[in-house]
Amino acid sequence: MNERSKTNILIVDDESSIREVLQRTLEASGFVCGSACDVENALDMMSGTDYGLVLSDIMMPGRTGVELLQEIKQRFPDTAVIMVSAVSDVQTAINAMKQGAYDYVTKPFNILEVTMSVERALEKRSLLITNREYREHLEQKVEEQTDEIRATFLGAVKSLAEALEAKDPYTNGHSKRVTEVTVALAAEAGLSALHLDRIRLAGLVHDIGKIGIPEQILHKPDKLTDAEYEMIKEHSVIGQKILRPIIRDQEVLRIVRNHHERYDGSGYPDGISGDAIPECVRLIAVADTYDAMTSNRPYRKALTPEIARELILKGSGTQFDPQVVELFLATEAKLPFCPLSGAPREKPRI
């Protein structure tokens, strides 16, 4: 089957004799043709058949060929259009070309001219479609390669975060525990699967910015000086900067940046408060603090779960969202890494 026999051409003219002449001419050249007597008839036919080209008269009863051209450009952008005009309508045909028509032919027809115009229009259409598909394919390949590079770098960052924790007996496994507790809290709160995925990613890398903090400060057994504490506070911003080139989800980056914000606005780095703090951040703040309190640190022994629970309750409304605290205490018996006993209270809605 040759290319012409694969191409459907629609001839639109209110004069049946014109339609018949054009149809015979084009079918003799190997094209497959259909015909319509007006704009509405043509649009109906185009809705059910893929036409590569439309030959349309300009002046017809009812809607004009120019109006048909506008409809085709909007609804069937891959269809080429050639206008058919009387000699007196040439200027109208030229104006139609400015609106997207490929060419125009005049009545009475020069059969060779019509065939050549159709062939040129279809060749241009084919070239435009081929170029577009090539660009789309190229863009897709670039996107796939970019995603692959991002995934590789993100995997490396996760591995680096785990390696940094593994070197420190005080924080070994911290990010994993925080992630699992926060995911469990988020699931209890009814957050979407998208939010859970964001938490899984952000939780594992939320402390990656500590790579930029000197070890002697991170592991200092004594109380930090004001200057040292200010350096520690930079880790959330550093983490966001590290991850920004490889993570496109802005909510994940916000979790990393804002996981030390406090409900009363006294946290860092932005000092945001209340509902201005993303819900995922309000959840991770409780899990992060609980795990930190129940883990050994250079400057103190791990607190008991009971004391940690009391301190979290004490921080309700200041450090933590009160509803998140209620949720944490109500579901503590089901949370991973939370060896707290007692019947859970009724789970609140947040």
C-alpha atoms as a PDB file:
ATOM      1  CA  MET A   1       0.000   0.000   0.000  1.00  0.00           C
ATOM      2  CA  ASN A   2       1.529   3.339  -1.043  1.00  0.00           C
ATOM      3  CA  GLU A   3       1.455   6.490   1.083  1.00  0.00           C
ATOM      4  CA  ARG A   4      -1.237   8.127  -1.021  1.00  0.00           C
ATOM      5  CA  SER A   5      -3.694   5.297  -0.450  1.00  0.00           C
ATOM      6  CA  LYS A   6      -3.207   5.758   3.282  1.00  0.00           C
ATOM      7  CA  THR A   7      -4.088   9.463   3.183  1.00  0.00           C
ATOM      8  CA  ASN A   8      -7.713  10.540   3.517  1.00  0.00           C
ATOM      9  CA  ILE A   9      -8.683  13.812   1.843  1.00  0.00           C
ATOM     10  CA  LEU A  10     -11.966  15.606   2.502  1.00  0.00           C
ATOM     11  CA  ILE A  11     -13.435  17.832  -0.203  1.00  0.00           C
ATOM     12  CA  VAL A  12     -15.875  20.469   1.068  1.00  0.00           C
ATOM     13  CA  ASP A  13     -17.993  22.402  -1.448  1.00  0.00           C
ATOM     14  CA  ASP A  14     -21.688  23.175  -1.774  1.00  0.00           C
ATOM     15  CA  GLU A  15     -21.564  22.384  -5.531  1.00  0.00           C
ATOM     16  CA  SER A  16     -21.703  18.634  -6.172  1.00  0.00           C
ATOM     17  CA  SER A  17     -20.078  19.009  -9.608  1.00  0.00           C
ATOM     18  CA  ILE A  18     -17.004  20.637  -8.048  1.00  0.00           C
ATOM     19  CA  ARG A  19     -16.777  17.879  -5.428  1.00  0.00           C
ATOM     20  CA  GLU A  20     -17.014  15.195  -8.126  1.00  0.00           C
ATOM     21  CA  VAL A  21     -14.301  16.754 -10.298  1.00  0.00           C
ATOM     22  CA  LEU A  22     -11.875  17.095  -7.402  1.00  0.00           C
ATOM     23  CA  GLN A  23     -12.660  13.615  -6.089  1.00  0.00           C
ATOM     24  CA  ARG A  24     -12.099  11.943  -9.456  1.00  0.00           C
ATOM     25  CA  THR A  25      -8.863  13.874  -9.985  1.00  0.00           C
ATOM     26  CA  LEU A  26      -7.391  13.003  -6.593  1.00  0.00           C
ATOM     27  CA  GLU A  27      -8.558   9.389  -6.565  1.00  0.00           C
ATOM     28  CA  ALA A  28      -6.966   8.975  -9.989  1.00  0.00           C
ATOM     29  CA  SER A  29      -3.710  10.043  -8.333  1.00  0.00           C
ATOM     30  CA  GLY A  30      -4.097   7.384  -5.653  1.00  0.00           C
ATOM     31  CA  PHE A  31      -5.688   9.326  -2.780  1.00  0.00           C
ATOM     32  CA  VAL A  32      -8.725   8.238  -0.748  1.00  0.00           C
ATOM     33  CA  CYS A  33     -11.394  10.951  -0.813  1.00  0.00           C
ATOM     34  CA  GLY A  34     -14.563  11.862   1.017  1.00  0.00           C
ATOM     35  CA  SER A  35     -16.849  14.816   0.368  1.00  0.00           C
ATOM     36  CA  ALA A  36     -19.078  17.167   2.374  1.00  0.00           C
ATOM     37  CA  CYS A  37     -21.547  19.820   1.265  1.00  0.00           C
ATOM     38  CA  ASP A  38     -21.091  22.308   4.104  1.00  0.00           C
ATOM     39  CA  VAL A  39     -19.097  23.072   7.278  1.00  0.00           C
ATOM     40  CA  GLU A  40     -21.314  21.085   9.677  1.00  0.00           C
ATOM     41  CA  ASN A  41     -21.254  18.042   7.405  1.00  0.00           C
ATOM     42  CA  ALA A  42     -17.476  18.313   7.128  1.00  0.00           C
ATOM     43  CA  LEU A  43     -16.937  18.541  10.911  1.00  0.00           C
ATOM     44  CA  ASP A  44     -19.199  15.543  11.483  1.00  0.00           C
ATOM     45  CA  MET A  45     -17.157  13.494   9.014  1.00  0.00           C
ATOM     46  CA  MET A  46     -13.863  14.621  10.553  1.00  0.00           C
ATOM     47  CA  SER A  47     -15.042  13.500  13.972  1.00  0.00           C
ATOM     48  CA  GLY A  48     -15.188   9.927  12.729  1.00  0.00           C
ATOM     49  CA  THR A  49     -12.322   9.789  10.209  1.00  0.00           C
ATOM     50  CA  ASP A  50      -8.713  10.904  10.293  1.00  0.00           C
ATOM     51  CA  TYR A  51      -8.276  13.245   7.315  1.00  0.00           C
ATOM     52  CA  GLY A  52      -4.770  14.308   6.404  1.00  0.00           C
ATOM     53  CA  LEU A  53      -5.966  17.186   4.247  1.00  0.00           C
ATOM     54  CA  VAL A  54      -9.126  19.218   3.622  1.00  0.00           C
ATOM     55  CA  LEU A  55      -9.856  21.036   0.362  1.00  0.00           C
ATOM     56  CA  SER A  56     -12.516  23.602   1.229  1.00  0.00           C
ATOM     57  CA  ASP A  57     -14.420  26.164  -0.788  1.00  0.00           C
ATOM     58  CA  ILE A  58     -14.384  29.602   0.815  1.00  0.00           C
ATOM     59  CA  MET A  59     -17.877  30.859  -0.019  1.00  0.00           C
ATOM     60  CA  MET A  60     -20.635  28.415   0.955  1.00  0.00           C
ATOM     61  CA  PRO A  61     -24.160  28.860   2.309  1.00  0.00           C
ATOM     62  CA  GLY A  62     -24.111  29.106   6.095  1.00  0.00           C
ATOM     63  CA  ARG A  63     -20.662  29.021   7.611  1.00  0.00           C
ATOM     64  CA  THR A  64     -17.705  29.844   5.367  1.00  0.00           C
ATOM     65  CA  GLY A  65     -14.599  27.897   4.537  1.00  0.00           C
ATOM     66  CA  VAL A  66     -12.576  30.319   6.671  1.00  0.00           C
ATOM     67  CA  GLU A  67     -14.721  29.398   9.678  1.00  0.00           C
ATOM     68  CA  LEU A  68     -14.106  25.735   8.887  1.00  0.00           C
ATOM     69  CA  LEU A  69     -10.367  26.443   8.764  1.00  0.00           C
ATOM     70  CA  GLN A  70     -10.514  27.981  12.242  1.00  0.00           C
ATOM     71  CA  GLU A  71     -12.370  24.958  13.599  1.00  0.00           C
ATOM     72  CA  ILE A  72      -9.877  22.570  12.018  1.00  0.00           C
ATOM     73  CA  LYS A  73      -6.873  24.450  13.428  1.00  0.00           C
ATOM     74  CA  GLN A  74      -8.402  24.218  16.889  1.00  0.00           C
ATOM     75  CA  ARG A  75      -9.813  20.678  16.831  1.00  0.00           C
ATOM     76  CA  PHE A  76      -7.651  18.862  14.247  1.00  0.00           C
ATOM     77  CA  PRO A  77      -4.287  20.667  14.247  1.00  0.00           C
ATOM     78  CA  ASP A  78      -2.518  17.924  12.258  1.00  0.00           C
ATOM     79  CA  THR A  79      -4.861  18.327   9.276  1.00  0.00           C
ATOM     80  CA  ALA A  80      -3.564  20.421   6.387  1.00  0.00           C
ATOM     81  CA  VAL A  81      -6.034  22.797   4.676  1.00  0.00           C
ATOM     82  CA  ILE A  82      -6.104  24.110   1.119  1.00  0.00           C
ATOM     83  CA  MET A  83      -8.684  26.791   0.276  1.00  0.00           C
ATOM     84  CA  VAL A  84     -10.660  26.730  -2.976  1.00  0.00           C
ATOM     85  CA  SER A  85     -11.698  30.147  -4.269  1.00  0.00           C
ATOM     86  CA  ALA A  86     -13.095  31.963  -7.245  1.00  0.00           C
ATOM     87  CA  VAL A  87     -10.718  34.506  -8.794  1.00  0.00           C
ATOM     88  CA  SER A  88     -12.635  37.294  -7.060  1.00  0.00           C
ATOM     89  CA  ASP A  89     -11.977  35.682  -3.652  1.00  0.00           C
ATOM     90  CA  VAL A  90      -8.179  35.473  -3.991  1.00  0.00           C
ATOM     91  CA  GLN A  91      -7.527  38.104  -1.310  1.00  0.00           C
ATOM     92  CA  THR A  92      -9.768  36.190   1.071  1.00  0.00           C
ATOM     93  CA  ALA A  93      -7.809  33.031   0.292  1.00  0.00           C
ATOM     94  CA  ILE A  94      -4.518  34.807   0.974  1.00  0.00           C
ATOM     95  CA  ASN A  95      -5.872  36.028   4.311  1.00  0.00           C
ATOM     96  CA  ALA A  96      -6.893  32.444   5.086  1.00  0.00           C
ATOM     97  CA  MET A  97      -3.286  31.355   4.535  1.00  0.00           C
ATOM     98  CA  LYS A  98      -2.253  33.844   7.210  1.00  0.00           C
ATOM     99  CA  GLN A  99      -4.621  31.987   9.527  1.00  0.00           C
ATOM    100  CA  GLY A 100      -3.025  28.624   8.838  1.00  0.00           C
ATOM    101  CA  ALA A 101      -4.137  27.397   5.417  1.00  0.00           C
ATOM    102  CA  TYR A 102      -1.309  25.826   3.485  1.00  0.00           C
ATOM    103  CA  ASP A 103      -2.304  27.037  -0.003  1.00  0.00           C
ATOM    104  CA  TYR A 104      -5.229  28.021  -2.213  1.00  0.00           C
ATOM    105  CA  VAL A 105      -6.356  26.984  -5.694  1.00  0.00           C
ATOM    106  CA  THR A 106      -8.718  28.929  -7.945  1.00  0.00           C
ATOM    107  CA  LYS A 107     -11.687  27.957 -10.042  1.00  0.00           C
ATOM    108  CA  PRO A 108     -11.736  26.886 -12.830  1.00  0.00           C
ATOM    109  CA  PHE A 109      -9.170  24.257 -11.806  1.00  0.00           C
ATOM    110  CA  ASN A 110      -5.841  23.460 -13.330  1.00  0.00           C
ATOM    111  CA  ILE A 111      -5.823  19.731 -12.486  1.00  0.00           C
ATOM    112  CA  LEU A 112      -2.019  19.502 -12.372  1.00  0.00           C
ATOM    113  CA  GLU A 113      -1.883  22.549 -10.086  1.00  0.00           C
ATOM    114  CA  VAL A 114      -4.422  21.010  -7.686  1.00  0.00           C
ATOM    115  CA  THR A 115      -2.513  17.704  -7.501  1.00  0.00           C
ATOM    116  CA  MET A 116       0.842  19.428  -6.935  1.00  0.00           C
ATOM    117  CA  SER A 117      -0.626  21.670  -4.229  1.00  0.00           C
ATOM    118  CA  VAL A 118      -2.085  18.656  -2.436  1.00  0.00           C
ATOM    119  CA  GLU A 119       1.215  16.760  -2.624  1.00  0.00           C
ATOM    120  CA  ARG A 120       3.194  19.739  -1.293  1.00  0.00           C
ATOM    121  CA  ALA A 121       0.721  20.266   1.559  1.00  0.00           C
ATOM    122  CA  LEU A 122       0.866  16.614   2.572  1.00  0.00           C
ATOM    123  CA  GLU A 123       4.663  16.568   2.377  1.00  0.00           C
ATOM    124  CA  LYS A 124       4.844  19.604   4.640  1.00  0.00           C
ATOM    125  CA  ARG A 125       2.312  18.051   7.032  1.00  0.00           C
ATOM    126  CA  SER A 126       4.324  14.839   7.170  1.00  0.00           C
ATOM    127  CA  LEU A 127       7.539  16.770   7.826  1.00  0.00           C
ATOM    128  CA  LEU A 128       5.944  18.826  10.624  1.00  0.00           C
ATOM    129  CA  ILE A 129       4.532  15.713  12.306  1.00  0.00           C
ATOM    130  CA  THR A 130       7.838  13.870  11.974  1.00  0.00           C
ATOM    131  CA  ASN A 131       9.754  16.812  13.473  1.00  0.00           C
ATOM    132  CA  ARG A 132       7.280  17.139  16.318  1.00  0.00           C
ATOM    133  CA  GLU A 133       7.429  13.426  17.109  1.00  0.00           C
ATOM    134  CA  TYR A 134      11.226  13.574  17.004  1.00  0.00           C
ATOM    135  CA  ARG A 135      11.242  16.491  19.442  1.00  0.00           C
ATOM    136  CA  GLU A 136       8.781  14.735  21.730  1.00  0.00           C
ATOM    137  CA  HIS A 137      10.847  11.538  21.606  1.00  0.00           C
ATOM    138  CA  LEU A 138      14.013  13.495  22.266  1.00  0.00           C
ATOM    139  CA  GLU A 139      12.396  15.360  25.154  1.00  0.00           C
ATOM    140  CA  GLN A 140      11.156  12.062  26.557  1.00  0.00           C
ATOM    141  CA  LYS A 141      14.642  10.542  26.330  1.00  0.00           C
ATOM    142  CA  VAL A 142      16.163  13.590  28.003  1.00  0.00           C
ATOM    143  CA  GLU A 143      13.502  13.425  30.716  1.00  0.00           C
ATOM    144  CA  GLU A 144      14.157   9.712  31.252  1.00  0.00           C
ATOM    145  CA  GLN A 145      17.891  10.269  31.458  1.00  0.00           C
ATOM    146  CA  THR A 146      17.390  13.208  33.808  1.00  0.00           C
ATOM    147  CA  ASP A 147      15.159  11.091  36.046  1.00  0.00           C
ATOM    148  CA  GLU A 148      17.744   8.322  35.999  1.00  0.00           C
ATOM    149  CA  ILE A 149      20.491  10.753  36.978  1.00  0.00           C
ATOM    150  CA  ARG A 150      18.297  12.197  39.740  1.00  0.00           C
ATOM    151  CA  ALA A 151      17.515   8.709  41.033  1.00  0.00           C
ATOM    152  CA  THR A 152      21.210   7.822  41.027  1.00  0.00           C
ATOM    153  CA  PHE A 153      22.170  10.963  42.925  1.00  0.00           C
ATOM    154  CA  LEU A 154      19.260  10.568  45.329  1.00  0.00           C
ATOM    155  CA  GLY A 155      20.293   6.986  46.005  1.00  0.00           C
ATOM    156  CA  ALA A 156      23.802   8.226  46.681  1.00  0.00           C
ATOM    157  CA  VAL A 157      22.488  10.897  49.056  1.00  0.00           C
ATOM    158  CA  LYS A 158      20.410   8.328  50.938  1.00  0.00           C
ATOM    159  CA  SER A 159      23.423   6.061  51.198  1.00  0.00           C
ATOM    160  CA  LEU A 160      25.514   8.972  52.420  1.00  0.00           C
ATOM    161  CA  ALA A 161      22.900   9.829  55.052  1.00  0.00           C
ATOM    162  CA  GLU A 162      22.899   6.227  56.255  1.00  0.00           C
ATOM    163  CA  ALA A 163      26.701   6.113  56.255  1.00  0.00           C
ATOM    164  CA  LEU A 164      26.915   9.304  58.308  1.00  0.00           C
ATOM    165  CA  GLU A 165      24.474   7.916  60.856  1.00  0.00           C
ATOM    166  CA  ALA A 166      26.254   4.557  60.945  1.00  0.00           C
ATOM    167  CA  LYS A 167      29.488   6.326  61.958  1.00  0.00           C
ATOM    168  CA  ASP A 168      27.741   7.895  64.943  1.00  0.00           C
ATOM    169  CA  PRO A 169      26.473   5.489  67.625  1.00  0.00           C
ATOM    170  CA  TYR A 170      24.216   8.251  68.952  1.00  0.00           C
ATOM    171  CA  THR A 171      22.263   8.765  65.719  1.00  0.00           C
ATOM    172  CA  ASN A 172      22.595   5.344  64.041  1.00  0.00           C
ATOM    173  CA  GLY A 173      19.182   4.462  62.562  1.00  0.00           C
ATOM    174  CA  HIS A 174      17.624   7.783  63.634  1.00  0.00           C
ATOM    175  CA  SER A 175      16.315   8.787  60.198  1.00  0.00           C
ATOM    176  CA  LYS A 176      14.811   5.367  59.527  1.00  0.00           C
ATOM    177  CA  ARG A 177      13.023   5.344  62.884  1.00  0.00           C
ATOM    178  CA  VAL A 178      11.743   8.887  62.437  1.00  0.00           C
ATOM    179  CA  THR A 179      10.496   8.007  58.960  1.00  0.00           C
ATOM    180  CA  GLU A 180       8.605   4.911  60.060  1.00  0.00           C
ATOM    181  CA  VAL A 181       6.984   6.622  63.043  1.00  0.00           C
ATOM    182  CA  THR A 182       5.948   9.622  60.923  1.00  0.00           C
ATOM    183  CA  VAL A 183       4.541   7.416  58.163  1.00  0.00           C
ATOM    184  CA  ALA A 184       2.523   5.506  60.761  1.00  0.00           C
ATOM    185  CA  LEU A 185       1.201   8.768  62.236  1.00  0.00           C
ATOM    186  CA  ALA A 186       0.353  10.107  58.778  1.00  0.00           C
ATOM    187  CA  ALA A 187      -1.513   6.904  57.906  1.00  0.00           C
ATOM    188  CA  GLU A 188      -3.501   7.147  61.163  1.00  0.00           C
ATOM    189  CA  ALA A 189      -4.297  10.770  60.288  1.00  0.00           C
ATOM    190  CA  GLY A 190      -5.675   9.675  56.919  1.00  0.00           C
ATOM    191  CA  LEU A 191      -3.081  11.427  54.742  1.00  0.00           C
ATOM    192  CA  SER A 192      -2.906  10.452  51.079  1.00  0.00           C
ATOM    193  CA  ALA A 193      -0.466   7.985  49.551  1.00  0.00           C
ATOM    194  CA  LEU A 194       1.344  10.945  47.972  1.00  0.00           C
ATOM    195  CA  HIS A 195       1.935  12.466  51.410  1.00  0.00           C
ATOM    196  CA  LEU A 196       3.203   9.139  52.728  1.00  0.00           C
ATOM    197  CA  ASP A 197       5.657   8.888  49.830  1.00  0.00           C
ATOM    198  CA  ARG A 198       6.878  12.417  50.526  1.00  0.00           C
ATOM    199  CA  ILE A 199       7.435  11.559  54.180  1.00  0.00           C
ATOM    200  CA  ARG A 200       9.313   8.364  53.310  1.00  0.00           C
ATOM    201  CA  LEU A 201      11.719  10.334  51.153  1.00  0.00           C
ATOM    202  CA  ALA A 202      12.065  13.421  53.320  1.00  0.00           C
ATOM    203  CA  GLY A 203      12.387  11.434  56.541  1.00  0.00           C
ATOM    204  CA  LEU A 204      15.352   9.427  55.301  1.00  0.00           C
ATOM    205  CA  VAL A 205      17.301  12.530  54.283  1.00  0.00           C
ATOM    206  CA  HIS A 206      15.948  15.176  56.671  1.00  0.00           C
ATOM    207  CA  ASP A 207      19.277  15.467  58.529  1.00  0.00           C
ATOM    208  CA  ILE A 208      21.574  15.244  55.485  1.00  0.00           C
ATOM    209  CA  GLY A 209      22.557  18.872  56.041  1.00  0.00           C
ATOM    210  CA  LYS A 210      24.556  17.818  59.105  1.00  0.00           C
ATOM    211  CA  ILE A 211      27.271  16.834  56.653  1.00  0.00           C
ATOM    212  CA  GLY A 212      28.055  20.556  56.611  1.00  0.00           C
ATOM    213  CA  ILE A 213      28.419  20.837  60.399  1.00  0.00           C
ATOM    214  CA  PRO A 214      31.834  20.154  62.032  1.00  0.00           C
ATOM    215  CA  GLU A 215      31.920  16.794  63.849  1.00  0.00           C
ATOM    216  CA  GLN A 216      33.352  18.341  67.008  1.00  0.00           C
ATOM    217  CA  ILE A 217      30.160  20.369  67.314  1.00  0.00           C
ATOM    218  CA  LEU A 218      27.810  17.509  66.432  1.00  0.00           C
ATOM    219  CA  HIS A 219      29.479  15.207  68.973  1.00  0.00           C
ATOM    220  CA  LYS A 220      30.280  17.785  71.648  1.00  0.00           C
ATOM    221  CA  PRO A 221      29.495  16.286  75.092  1.00  0.00           C
ATOM    222  CA  ASP A 222      29.104  19.669  76.760  1.00  0.00           C
ATOM    223  CA  LYS A 223      26.584  22.422  76.309  1.00  0.00           C
ATOM    224  CA  LEU A 224      26.888  24.210  72.969  1.00  0.00           C
ATOM    225  CA  THR A 225      27.875  27.856  72.847  1.00  0.00           C
ATOM    226  CA  ASP A 226      25.489  30.291  71.194  1.00  0.00           C
ATOM    227  CA  ALA A 227      27.697  30.383  68.098  1.00  0.00           C
ATOM    228  CA  GLU A 228      27.849  26.582  67.919  1.00  0.00           C
ATOM    229  CA  TYR A 229      24.083  26.319  68.282  1.00  0.00           C
ATOM    230  CA  GLU A 230      23.641  28.788  65.409  1.00  0.00           C
ATOM    231  CA  MET A 231      25.855  26.541  63.287  1.00  0.00           C
ATOM    232  CA  ILE A 232      23.779  23.483  64.201  1.00  0.00           C
ATOM    233  CA  LYS A 233      20.634  25.340  63.140  1.00  0.00           C
ATOM    234  CA  GLU A 234      22.052  25.740  59.645  1.00  0.00           C
ATOM    235  CA  HIS A 235      21.772  22.014  58.910  1.00  0.00           C
ATOM    236  CA  SER A 236      18.142  22.200  57.733  1.00  0.00           C
ATOM    237  CA  VAL A 237      18.964  24.919  55.195  1.00  0.00           C
ATOM    238  CA  ILE A 238      22.109  23.089  54.099  1.00  0.00           C
ATOM    239  CA  GLY A 239      20.036  19.935  53.606  1.00  0.00           C
ATOM    240  CA  GLN A 240      17.562  21.760  51.383  1.00  0.00           C
ATOM    241  CA  LYS A 241      20.406  23.168  49.271  1.00  0.00           C
ATOM    242  CA  ILE A 242      21.958  19.718  48.870  1.00  0.00           C
ATOM    243  CA  LEU A 243      18.677  18.156  47.774  1.00  0.00           C
ATOM    244  CA  ARG A 244      17.242  20.958  45.627  1.00  0.00           C
ATOM    245  CA  PRO A 245      19.087  19.959  42.399  1.00  0.00           C
ATOM    246  CA  ILE A 246      17.832  16.350  42.574  1.00  0.00           C
ATOM    247  CA  ILE A 247      14.399  16.578  44.223  1.00  0.00           C
ATOM    248  CA  ARG A 248      11.683  18.413  42.304  1.00  0.00           C
ATOM    249  CA  ASP A 249       8.887  17.960  44.849  1.00  0.00           C
ATOM    250  CA  GLN A 250       8.807  21.251  46.747  1.00  0.00           C
ATOM    251  CA  GLU A 251       6.880  19.692  49.639  1.00  0.00           C
ATOM    252  CA  VAL A 252       9.725  17.239  50.277  1.00  0.00           C
ATOM    253  CA  LEU A 253      12.198  20.120  50.305  1.00  0.00           C
ATOM    254  CA  ARG A 254       9.951  22.026  52.735  1.00  0.00           C
ATOM    255  CA  ILE A 255       9.931  19.075  55.131  1.00  0.00           C
ATOM    256  CA  VAL A 256      13.729  18.989  55.091  1.00  0.00           C
ATOM    257  CA  ARG A 257      13.996  22.751  55.551  1.00  0.00           C
ATOM    258  CA  ASN A 258      11.306  23.196  58.188  1.00  0.00           C
ATOM    259  CA  HIS A 259      11.478  20.063  60.360  1.00  0.00           C
ATOM    260  CA  HIS A 260      12.725  22.179  63.300  1.00  0.00           C
ATOM    261  CA  GLU A 261       9.952  24.756  63.164  1.00  0.00           C
ATOM    262  CA  ARG A 262       7.858  25.099  66.316  1.00  0.00           C
ATOM    263  CA  TYR A 263       4.111  25.472  66.554  1.00  0.00           C
ATOM    264  CA  ASP A 264       4.441  28.801  68.412  1.00  0.00           C
ATOM    265  CA  GLY A 265       6.771  30.250  65.755  1.00  0.00           C
ATOM    266  CA  SER A 266       9.979  30.102  67.799  1.00  0.00           C
ATOM    267  CA  GLY A 267      11.617  27.428  65.655  1.00  0.00           C
ATOM    268  CA  TYR A 268      14.062  27.716  62.765  1.00  0.00           C
ATOM    269  CA  PRO A 269      15.002  28.572  60.053  1.00  0.00           C
ATOM    270  CA  ASP A 270      11.880  30.542  59.046  1.00  0.00           C
ATOM    271  CA  GLY A 271      10.021  31.047  62.306  1.00  0.00           C
ATOM    272  CA  ILE A 272       6.679  29.975  60.811  1.00  0.00           C
ATOM    273  CA  SER A 273       3.897  28.908  63.139  1.00  0.00           C
ATOM    274  CA  GLY A 274       0.572  27.071  63.421  1.00  0.00           C
ATOM    275  CA  ASP A 275      -1.047  25.904  60.206  1.00  0.00           C
ATOM    276  CA  ALA A 276       1.589  27.766  58.183  1.00  0.00           C
ATOM    277  CA  ILE A 277       3.806  24.793  59.033  1.00  0.00           C
ATOM    278  CA  PRO A 278       3.020  21.994  56.531  1.00  0.00           C
ATOM    279  CA  GLU A 279       1.071  19.124  58.054  1.00  0.00           C
ATOM    280  CA  CYS A 280       3.799  16.599  57.219  1.00  0.00           C
ATOM    281  CA  VAL A 281       6.314  18.789  59.050  1.00  0.00           C
ATOM    282  CA  ARG A 282       4.084  18.999  62.130  1.00  0.00           C
ATOM    283  CA  LEU A 283       3.943  15.199  62.168  1.00  0.00           C
ATOM    284  CA  ILE A 284       7.662  14.638  61.671  1.00  0.00           C
ATOM    285  CA  ALA A 285       8.485  17.169  64.393  1.00  0.00           C
ATOM    286  CA  VAL A 286       6.926  14.950  67.060  1.00  0.00           C
ATOM    287  CA  ALA A 287       8.525  11.750  65.713  1.00  0.00           C
ATOM    288  CA  ASP A 288      11.929  13.428  65.392  1.00  0.00           C
ATOM    289  CA  THR A 289      11.844  14.830  68.919  1.00  0.00           C
ATOM    290  CA  TYR A 290      10.598  11.576  70.444  1.00  0.00           C
ATOM    291  CA  ASP A 291      13.391   9.566  68.816  1.00  0.00           C
ATOM    292  CA  ALA A 292      16.001  12.121  69.841  1.00  0.00           C
ATOM    293  CA  MET A 293      14.808  12.048  73.461  1.00  0.00           C
ATOM    294  CA  THR A 294      14.755   8.259  73.674  1.00  0.00           C
ATOM    295  CA  SER A 295      18.228   7.862  72.116  1.00  0.00           C
ATOM    296  CA  ASN A 296      21.609   8.281  73.798  1.00  0.00           C
ATOM    297  CA  ARG A 297      23.298  11.539  72.889  1.00  0.00           C
ATOM    298  CA  PRO A 298      26.834  12.823  73.642  1.00  0.00           C
ATOM    299  CA  TYR A 299      25.479  15.248  76.246  1.00  0.00           C
ATOM    300  CA  ARG A 300      22.941  12.935  77.993  1.00  0.00           C
ATOM    301  CA  LYS A 301      21.599   9.441  78.393  1.00  0.00           C
ATOM    302  CA  ALA A 302      18.423   8.361  76.618  1.00  0.00           C
ATOM    303  CA  LEU A 303      15.224   9.347  78.385  1.00  0.00           C
ATOM    304  CA  THR A 304      12.664   6.717  79.238  1.00  0.00           C
ATOM    305  CA  PRO A 305       9.616   6.473  76.963  1.00  0.00           C
ATOM    306  CA  GLU A 306       7.424   7.655  79.833  1.00  0.00           C
ATOM    307  CA  ILE A 307       9.464  10.828  80.359  1.00  0.00           C
ATOM    308  CA  ALA A 308       9.603  11.439  76.611  1.00  0.00           C
ATOM    309  CA  ARG A 309       5.828  11.136  76.468  1.00  0.00           C
ATOM    310  CA  GLU A 310       5.433  13.657  79.292  1.00  0.00           C
ATOM    311  CA  LEU A 311       7.760  16.123  77.587  1.00  0.00           C
ATOM    312  CA  ILE A 312       5.902  15.806  74.288  1.00  0.00           C
ATOM    313  CA  LEU A 313       2.630  16.445  76.104  1.00  0.00           C
ATOM    314  CA  LYS A 314       4.232  19.443  77.824  1.00  0.00           C
ATOM    315  CA  GLY A 315       5.274  20.831  74.440  1.00  0.00           C
ATOM    316  CA  SER A 316       1.728  20.700  73.076  1.00  0.00           C
ATOM    317  CA  GLY A 317       0.761  24.130  71.759  1.00  0.00           C
ATOM    318  CA  THR A 318       4.295  25.511  71.966  1.00  0.00           C
ATOM    319  CA  GLN A 319       6.712  23.159  70.240  1.00  0.00           C
ATOM    320  CA  PHE A 320       4.084  20.845  68.752  1.00  0.00           C
ATOM    321  CA  ASP A 321       0.670  20.994  67.123  1.00  0.00           C
ATOM    322  CA  PRO A 322      -1.758  19.965  69.893  1.00  0.00           C
ATOM    323  CA  GLN A 323      -3.745  17.748  67.516  1.00  0.00           C
ATOM    324  CA  VAL A 324      -0.601  15.928  66.424  1.00  0.00           C
ATOM    325  CA  VAL A 325       0.338  15.384  70.076  1.00  0.00           C
ATOM    326  CA  GLU A 326      -3.110  13.929  70.722  1.00  0.00           C
ATOM    327  CA  LEU A 327      -2.743  11.679  67.704  1.00  0.00           C
ATOM    328  CA  PHE A 328       0.709  10.530  68.842  1.00  0.00           C
ATOM    329  CA  LEU A 329      -0.460   9.703  72.370  1.00  0.00           C
ATOM    330  CA  ALA A 330      -3.630   8.024  71.114  1.00  0.00           C
ATOM    331  CA  THR A 331      -1.756   5.724  68.718  1.00  0.00           C
ATOM    332  CA  GLU A 332       1.538   5.223  70.592  1.00  0.00           C
ATOM    333  CA  ALA A 333       0.865   1.543  71.233  1.00  0.00           C
ATOM    334  CA  LYS A 334       0.774   0.913  67.462  1.00  0.00           C
ATOM    335  CA  LEU A 335       3.744   3.050  66.462  1.00  0.00           C
ATOM    336  CA  PRO A 336       7.062   1.395  65.542  1.00  0.00           C
ATOM    337  CA  PHE A 337       9.999   2.030  67.901  1.00  0.00           C
ATOM    338  CA  CYS A 338       7.633   3.411  70.583  1.00  0.00           C
ATOM    339  CA  PRO A 339       7.651   0.899  73.460  1.00  0.00           C
ATOM    340  CA  LEU A 340       4.951   2.682  75.422  1.00  0.00           C
ATOM    341  CA  SER A 341       2.224   0.807  77.206  1.00  0.00           C
ATOM    342  CA  GLY A 342      -1.343   1.583  78.142  1.00  0.00           C
ATOM    343  CA  ALA A 343      -4.595   1.518  76.221  1.00  0.00           C
ATOM    344  CA  PRO A 344      -4.602   4.100  73.413  1.00  0.00           C
ATOM    345  CA  ARG A 345      -7.034   6.923  73.704  1.00  0.00           C
ATOM    346  CA  GLU A 346      -9.654   7.649  71.097  1.00  0.00           C
ATOM    347  CA  LYS A 347      -7.862   8.778  67.935  1.00  0.00           C
ATOM    348  CA  PRO A 348      -8.606  12.452  67.156  1.00  0.00           C
ATOM    349  CA  ARG A 349      -9.085  13.818  63.654  1.00  0.00           C
ATOM    350  CA  ILE A 350      -6.490  16.303  62.385  1.00  0.00           C
END
